[in-house]
């Protein structure tokens, strides 16, 4: 009877333990802003089922994201961890909580906005010379 009068609130996930869908978080770094805890920087991969994994780093407090090195190579776990650690040390953003998941239309716009990251296009067809 009491359970119908006082329904339980949905459990709120903690950003310190949250893992985005479809990824494997291998390391987490938390920044410190004065006496407050800063944002969390994740080192993650989505290639866990493949033989070679590439890693990325992303901050949950600001817009920082790193998925390739300066030479456009994919990041190893150590490289991504080094970037995440250095970003966490300098980032002044506070923890903003878990970001909202985009709906299908928003996700399609995100994918289309980054064609160089997601899609490899074929070179133009050669035209025969006359």
N, C-alpha and C. Protein backbone atom coordinates (compact mmCIF):
# COMPACT_ATOMS: atom_id res chain seq x y z
N UNK A 1 0.81 -1.19 0.00
CA UNK A 1 0.00 0.00 0.00
C UNK A 1 0.86 1.26 0.00
N UNK A 2 1.88 1.29 0.82
CA UNK A 2 2.73 2.47 0.87
C UNK A 2 3.50 2.69 -0.43
N UNK A 3 3.82 1.59 -1.12
CA UNK A 3 4.57 1.75 -2.36
C UNK A 3 3.76 2.48 -3.42
N UNK A 4 2.45 2.39 -3.39
CA UNK A 4 1.63 3.12 -4.35
C UNK A 4 1.47 4.58 -3.94
N UNK A 5 1.56 4.87 -2.65
CA UNK A 5 1.46 6.25 -2.20
C UNK A 5 2.76 7.02 -2.41
N UNK A 6 3.86 6.32 -2.25
CA UNK A 6 5.17 6.95 -2.37
C UNK A 6 6.00 6.21 -3.40
N UNK A 7 5.78 6.50 -4.68
CA UNK A 7 6.55 5.79 -5.70
C UNK A 7 8.03 6.14 -5.62
N UNK A 8 8.86 5.19 -5.97
CA UNK A 8 10.30 5.43 -5.96
C UNK A 8 10.70 6.29 -7.13
N UNK A 9 11.65 7.13 -6.88
CA UNK A 9 12.19 7.97 -7.95
C UNK A 9 13.14 7.13 -8.79
N UNK A 10 13.21 7.42 -10.09
CA UNK A 10 14.19 6.68 -10.91
C UNK A 10 15.60 6.98 -10.41
N UNK A 11 16.42 5.96 -10.42
CA UNK A 11 17.78 6.13 -9.94
C UNK A 11 18.58 6.98 -10.92
N UNK A 12 19.24 7.99 -10.41
CA UNK A 12 20.06 8.88 -11.23
C UNK A 12 21.46 8.30 -11.29
N UNK A 13 21.98 8.16 -12.51
CA UNK A 13 23.32 7.61 -12.67
C UNK A 13 24.36 8.66 -12.32
N UNK A 14 25.46 8.20 -11.77
CA UNK A 14 26.58 9.05 -11.41
C UNK A 14 27.52 9.14 -12.61
N UNK A 15 27.99 10.34 -12.93
CA UNK A 15 28.89 10.50 -14.06
C UNK A 15 30.23 9.80 -13.82
N UNK A 16 30.56 9.54 -12.56
CA UNK A 16 31.83 8.87 -12.26
C UNK A 16 31.81 7.40 -12.67
N UNK A 17 30.63 6.82 -12.84
CA UNK A 17 30.54 5.41 -13.22
C UNK A 17 29.77 5.19 -14.51
N UNK A 18 29.28 6.25 -15.15
CA UNK A 18 28.46 6.13 -16.35
C UNK A 18 29.31 5.72 -17.55
N UNK A 19 28.76 4.86 -18.38
CA UNK A 19 29.40 4.44 -19.62
C UNK A 19 28.44 4.68 -20.78
N UNK A 20 28.85 5.44 -21.81
CA UNK A 20 27.96 5.68 -22.95
C UNK A 20 27.62 4.37 -23.66
N UNK A 21 26.42 4.27 -24.18
CA UNK A 21 25.99 3.07 -24.91
C UNK A 21 26.93 2.78 -26.06
N UNK A 22 27.29 1.51 -26.22
CA UNK A 22 28.10 1.08 -27.35
C UNK A 22 29.59 1.32 -27.18
N UNK A 23 30.02 1.72 -25.99
CA UNK A 23 31.44 1.98 -25.77
C UNK A 23 31.95 1.17 -24.59
N UNK A 24 33.27 1.11 -24.49
CA UNK A 24 33.94 0.51 -23.34
C UNK A 24 34.84 1.59 -22.77
N UNK A 25 34.52 2.06 -21.58
CA UNK A 25 35.34 3.08 -20.92
C UNK A 25 36.47 2.37 -20.20
N UNK A 26 37.71 2.72 -20.56
CA UNK A 26 38.86 2.04 -19.97
C UNK A 26 39.53 2.86 -18.88
N UNK A 27 39.39 4.18 -18.92
CA UNK A 27 39.98 5.03 -17.89
C UNK A 27 39.12 6.27 -17.72
N UNK A 28 39.16 6.85 -16.51
CA UNK A 28 38.45 8.08 -16.22
C UNK A 28 39.39 9.01 -15.46
N UNK A 29 39.37 10.28 -15.82
CA UNK A 29 40.17 11.28 -15.14
C UNK A 29 39.23 12.38 -14.68
N UNK A 30 39.40 12.83 -13.44
CA UNK A 30 38.56 13.91 -12.92
C UNK A 30 39.42 15.13 -12.66
N UNK A 31 38.96 16.26 -13.17
CA UNK A 31 39.64 17.51 -12.91
C UNK A 31 39.24 18.06 -11.55
N UNK A 32 40.00 19.00 -11.05
CA UNK A 32 39.70 19.66 -9.78
C UNK A 32 39.67 21.15 -10.03
N UNK A 33 38.59 21.80 -9.60
CA UNK A 33 38.43 23.24 -9.76
C UNK A 33 38.33 23.82 -8.36
N UNK A 34 39.44 24.33 -7.86
CA UNK A 34 39.46 24.83 -6.49
C UNK A 34 39.19 23.68 -5.53
N UNK A 35 38.17 23.85 -4.71
CA UNK A 35 37.79 22.79 -3.77
C UNK A 35 36.71 21.88 -4.35
N UNK A 36 36.19 22.21 -5.51
CA UNK A 36 35.13 21.42 -6.13
C UNK A 36 35.72 20.39 -7.09
N UNK A 37 34.94 19.33 -7.28
CA UNK A 37 35.35 18.33 -8.27
C UNK A 37 34.98 18.85 -9.65
N UNK A 38 35.91 18.72 -10.56
CA UNK A 38 35.67 19.18 -11.92
C UNK A 38 35.03 18.09 -12.76
N UNK A 39 35.05 18.33 -14.05
CA UNK A 39 34.43 17.40 -14.99
C UNK A 39 35.27 16.13 -15.13
N UNK A 40 34.61 15.08 -15.61
CA UNK A 40 35.27 13.80 -15.84
C UNK A 40 35.64 13.70 -17.30
N UNK A 41 36.85 13.23 -17.57
CA UNK A 41 37.32 13.00 -18.93
C UNK A 41 37.42 11.49 -19.12
N UNK A 42 36.71 10.97 -20.11
CA UNK A 42 36.67 9.53 -20.37
C UNK A 42 37.68 9.15 -21.45
N UNK A 43 38.29 7.99 -21.28
CA UNK A 43 39.07 7.35 -22.34
C UNK A 43 38.27 6.12 -22.71
N UNK A 44 37.84 6.04 -23.97
CA UNK A 44 36.93 4.96 -24.35
C UNK A 44 37.23 4.43 -25.74
N UNK A 45 36.62 3.29 -26.04
CA UNK A 45 36.71 2.69 -27.37
C UNK A 45 35.36 2.09 -27.72
N UNK A 46 35.10 1.99 -28.99
CA UNK A 46 33.91 1.29 -29.47
C UNK A 46 34.32 0.09 -30.29
N UNK A 47 35.61 -0.21 -30.32
CA UNK A 47 36.16 -1.28 -31.14
C UNK A 47 36.56 -2.50 -30.31
N UNK A 48 35.86 -2.77 -29.23
CA UNK A 48 36.25 -3.84 -28.34
C UNK A 48 36.21 -5.22 -28.95
N UNK A 49 35.39 -5.41 -29.99
CA UNK A 49 35.26 -6.73 -30.59
C UNK A 49 36.22 -6.94 -31.76
N UNK A 50 37.03 -5.95 -32.07
CA UNK A 50 37.98 -6.07 -33.18
C UNK A 50 39.36 -6.38 -32.63
N UNK A 51 40.24 -6.83 -33.50
CA UNK A 51 41.59 -7.16 -33.07
C UNK A 51 42.41 -5.94 -32.68
N UNK A 52 42.22 -4.83 -33.39
CA UNK A 52 42.95 -3.61 -33.08
C UNK A 52 41.95 -2.55 -32.66
N UNK A 53 42.17 -1.96 -31.51
CA UNK A 53 41.26 -0.95 -30.99
C UNK A 53 41.85 0.43 -31.16
N UNK A 54 40.99 1.37 -31.48
CA UNK A 54 41.38 2.77 -31.45
C UNK A 54 40.62 3.41 -30.30
N UNK A 55 41.22 4.40 -29.69
CA UNK A 55 40.66 5.00 -28.49
C UNK A 55 40.39 6.48 -28.73
N UNK A 56 39.58 7.06 -27.87
CA UNK A 56 39.26 8.48 -27.93
C UNK A 56 39.15 8.99 -26.50
N UNK A 57 39.24 10.31 -26.35
CA UNK A 57 39.07 10.95 -25.06
C UNK A 57 38.00 12.02 -25.22
N UNK A 58 37.12 12.14 -24.23
CA UNK A 58 36.07 13.15 -24.29
C UNK A 58 35.78 13.65 -22.88
N UNK A 59 35.58 14.96 -22.77
CA UNK A 59 35.28 15.60 -21.48
C UNK A 59 33.77 15.74 -21.34
N UNK A 60 33.26 15.40 -20.16
CA UNK A 60 31.82 15.53 -19.89
C UNK A 60 31.46 16.92 -19.39
N UNK A 61 32.43 17.81 -19.27
CA UNK A 61 32.15 19.16 -18.78
C UNK A 61 32.24 20.23 -19.85
N UNK A 62 33.04 19.99 -20.88
CA UNK A 62 33.18 20.97 -21.96
C UNK A 62 33.07 20.23 -23.30
N UNK A 63 33.53 20.85 -24.35
CA UNK A 63 33.37 20.25 -25.67
C UNK A 63 34.62 19.52 -26.15
N UNK A 64 35.58 19.26 -25.27
CA UNK A 64 36.83 18.62 -25.66
C UNK A 64 36.58 17.19 -26.15
N UNK A 65 37.20 16.88 -27.29
CA UNK A 65 37.14 15.52 -27.84
C UNK A 65 38.39 15.29 -28.66
N UNK A 66 39.03 14.15 -28.46
CA UNK A 66 40.23 13.81 -29.23
C UNK A 66 40.11 12.37 -29.70
N UNK A 67 40.22 12.18 -31.01
CA UNK A 67 40.13 10.83 -31.57
C UNK A 67 41.30 10.49 -32.47
N UNK A 68 42.13 11.49 -32.77
CA UNK A 68 43.31 11.23 -33.61
C UNK A 68 44.45 12.13 -33.17
N UNK A 69 45.65 11.70 -33.49
CA UNK A 69 46.83 12.47 -33.13
C UNK A 69 47.05 13.58 -34.15
N UNK A 70 48.09 14.36 -33.93
CA UNK A 70 48.36 15.47 -34.84
C UNK A 70 48.69 14.99 -36.25
N UNK A 71 49.18 13.77 -36.36
CA UNK A 71 49.50 13.23 -37.69
C UNK A 71 48.32 12.45 -38.27
N UNK A 72 47.11 12.66 -37.72
CA UNK A 72 45.86 12.06 -38.19
C UNK A 72 45.81 10.54 -38.00
N UNK A 73 46.64 10.01 -37.13
CA UNK A 73 46.60 8.58 -36.81
C UNK A 73 45.62 8.35 -35.67
N UNK A 74 45.04 7.17 -35.63
CA UNK A 74 44.15 6.83 -34.52
C UNK A 74 44.95 6.74 -33.24
N UNK A 75 44.30 7.04 -32.13
CA UNK A 75 44.98 7.05 -30.84
C UNK A 75 45.08 5.66 -30.24
N UNK A 76 46.23 5.39 -29.63
CA UNK A 76 46.37 4.18 -28.82
C UNK A 76 45.80 4.51 -27.44
N UNK A 77 45.65 3.50 -26.61
CA UNK A 77 45.12 3.74 -25.26
C UNK A 77 46.03 4.69 -24.47
N UNK A 78 47.33 4.50 -24.59
CA UNK A 78 48.27 5.37 -23.85
C UNK A 78 48.19 6.81 -24.34
N UNK A 79 48.12 7.02 -25.65
CA UNK A 79 48.01 8.38 -26.18
C UNK A 79 46.72 9.06 -25.73
N UNK A 80 45.61 8.32 -25.80
CA UNK A 80 44.33 8.87 -25.36
C UNK A 80 44.36 9.18 -23.87
N UNK A 81 44.99 8.31 -23.07
CA UNK A 81 45.09 8.54 -21.63
C UNK A 81 45.93 9.77 -21.33
N UNK A 82 47.03 9.95 -22.05
CA UNK A 82 47.88 11.13 -21.85
C UNK A 82 47.12 12.42 -22.19
N UNK A 83 46.37 12.40 -23.29
CA UNK A 83 45.57 13.57 -23.67
C UNK A 83 44.47 13.85 -22.64
N UNK A 84 43.82 12.79 -22.17
CA UNK A 84 42.75 12.96 -21.17
C UNK A 84 43.31 13.50 -19.87
N UNK A 85 44.45 12.99 -19.44
CA UNK A 85 45.06 13.44 -18.20
C UNK A 85 45.47 14.91 -18.29
N UNK A 86 46.09 15.30 -19.39
CA UNK A 86 46.51 16.70 -19.54
C UNK A 86 45.30 17.63 -19.65
N UNK A 87 44.23 17.17 -20.31
CA UNK A 87 43.03 18.00 -20.39
C UNK A 87 42.37 18.13 -19.02
N UNK A 88 42.27 17.04 -18.28
CA UNK A 88 41.65 17.09 -16.95
C UNK A 88 42.42 18.02 -16.02
N UNK A 89 43.74 18.07 -16.17
CA UNK A 89 44.56 18.94 -15.32
C UNK A 89 44.31 20.41 -15.62
N UNK A 90 43.97 20.75 -16.86
CA UNK A 90 43.80 22.15 -17.23
C UNK A 90 42.36 22.61 -17.39
N UNK A 91 41.42 21.68 -17.46
CA UNK A 91 40.01 22.04 -17.71
C UNK A 91 39.40 22.64 -16.45
N UNK A 92 38.70 23.74 -16.60
CA UNK A 92 38.05 24.41 -15.47
C UNK A 92 36.54 24.19 -15.46
N UNK A 93 36.06 23.31 -16.30
CA UNK A 93 34.62 23.04 -16.35
C UNK A 93 34.21 22.19 -15.16
N UNK A 94 33.01 22.43 -14.68
CA UNK A 94 32.46 21.63 -13.60
C UNK A 94 31.68 20.47 -14.19
N UNK A 95 31.42 19.48 -13.39
CA UNK A 95 30.66 18.32 -13.84
C UNK A 95 29.25 18.76 -14.20
N UNK A 96 28.85 18.51 -15.45
CA UNK A 96 27.52 18.90 -15.92
C UNK A 96 26.55 17.74 -15.94
N UNK A 97 26.95 16.61 -15.47
CA UNK A 97 26.06 15.45 -15.46
C UNK A 97 26.14 14.69 -16.76
N UNK A 98 25.28 13.72 -16.88
CA UNK A 98 25.28 12.85 -18.06
C UNK A 98 24.59 13.56 -19.21
N UNK A 99 25.24 13.63 -20.38
CA UNK A 99 24.61 14.31 -21.51
C UNK A 99 23.40 13.53 -22.02
N UNK A 100 22.44 14.27 -22.55
CA UNK A 100 21.25 13.64 -23.10
C UNK A 100 21.61 12.90 -24.39
N UNK A 101 20.99 11.77 -24.61
CA UNK A 101 21.21 11.02 -25.85
C UNK A 101 20.42 11.67 -26.97
N UNK A 102 21.03 11.82 -28.15
CA UNK A 102 20.29 12.43 -29.26
C UNK A 102 19.23 11.47 -29.80
N UNK A 103 18.15 12.05 -30.33
CA UNK A 103 17.16 11.19 -30.99
C UNK A 103 17.69 10.86 -32.39
N UNK A 104 16.94 10.08 -33.15
CA UNK A 104 17.42 9.62 -34.45
C UNK A 104 17.71 10.76 -35.42
N UNK A 105 16.87 11.79 -35.44
CA UNK A 105 17.10 12.92 -36.34
C UNK A 105 18.37 13.68 -35.98
N UNK A 106 18.58 13.91 -34.68
CA UNK A 106 19.79 14.61 -34.24
C UNK A 106 21.03 13.78 -34.55
N UNK A 107 20.95 12.48 -34.33
CA UNK A 107 22.09 11.60 -34.61
C UNK A 107 22.45 11.62 -36.09
N UNK A 108 21.45 11.62 -36.95
CA UNK A 108 21.70 11.67 -38.39
C UNK A 108 22.38 12.98 -38.77
N UNK A 109 21.98 14.10 -38.15
CA UNK A 109 22.61 15.39 -38.42
C UNK A 109 24.07 15.39 -37.96
N UNK A 110 24.34 14.78 -36.83
CA UNK A 110 25.70 14.72 -36.31
C UNK A 110 26.59 13.93 -37.26
N UNK A 111 26.08 12.80 -37.75
CA UNK A 111 26.86 11.98 -38.67
C UNK A 111 27.10 12.72 -39.98
N UNK A 112 26.09 13.40 -40.48
CA UNK A 112 26.25 14.14 -41.74
C UNK A 112 27.18 15.34 -41.58
N UNK A 113 27.24 15.92 -40.39
CA UNK A 113 28.08 17.10 -40.16
C UNK A 113 29.56 16.75 -40.12
N UNK A 114 29.90 15.48 -39.95
CA UNK A 114 31.30 15.06 -39.88
C UNK A 114 31.60 14.00 -40.94
N UNK A 115 31.42 14.33 -42.21
CA UNK A 115 31.62 13.30 -43.23
C UNK A 115 33.06 12.81 -43.32
N UNK A 116 34.04 13.63 -43.00
CA UNK A 116 35.43 13.20 -43.06
C UNK A 116 35.77 12.18 -41.98
N UNK A 117 35.06 12.25 -40.85
CA UNK A 117 35.33 11.32 -39.75
C UNK A 117 34.66 9.97 -39.95
N UNK A 118 33.55 9.95 -40.67
CA UNK A 118 32.74 8.74 -40.71
C UNK A 118 32.72 8.04 -42.05
N UNK A 119 32.79 8.78 -43.13
CA UNK A 119 32.57 8.19 -44.45
C UNK A 119 33.79 8.43 -45.34
N UNK A 120 34.24 7.40 -45.96
CA UNK A 120 35.31 7.54 -46.96
C UNK A 120 34.66 7.55 -48.32
N UNK A 121 34.86 8.61 -49.06
CA UNK A 121 34.25 8.69 -50.38
C UNK A 121 35.23 8.17 -51.43
N UNK A 122 34.69 7.63 -52.48
CA UNK A 122 35.51 7.12 -53.58
C UNK A 122 36.05 8.29 -54.37
N UNK A 123 37.25 8.15 -54.96
CA UNK A 123 37.79 9.24 -55.78
C UNK A 123 36.90 9.41 -57.02
N UNK A 124 36.91 10.61 -57.60
CA UNK A 124 36.08 10.80 -58.79
C UNK A 124 36.50 9.87 -59.93
N UNK A 125 35.53 9.48 -60.68
CA UNK A 125 35.79 8.57 -61.81
C UNK A 125 36.65 9.27 -62.85
N UNK A 126 37.58 8.53 -63.40
CA UNK A 126 38.46 9.10 -64.43
C UNK A 126 37.66 9.28 -65.72
N UNK A 127 37.90 10.38 -66.36
CA UNK A 127 37.23 10.62 -67.64
C UNK A 127 38.19 10.24 -68.76
N UNK A 128 37.70 9.51 -69.74
CA UNK A 128 38.60 9.10 -70.83
C UNK A 128 39.04 10.33 -71.64
N UNK A 129 40.30 10.34 -72.00
CA UNK A 129 40.81 11.47 -72.80
C UNK A 129 40.58 11.14 -74.28
N UNK A 130 40.28 12.16 -75.04
CA UNK A 130 40.01 11.95 -76.47
C UNK A 130 41.10 12.48 -77.34
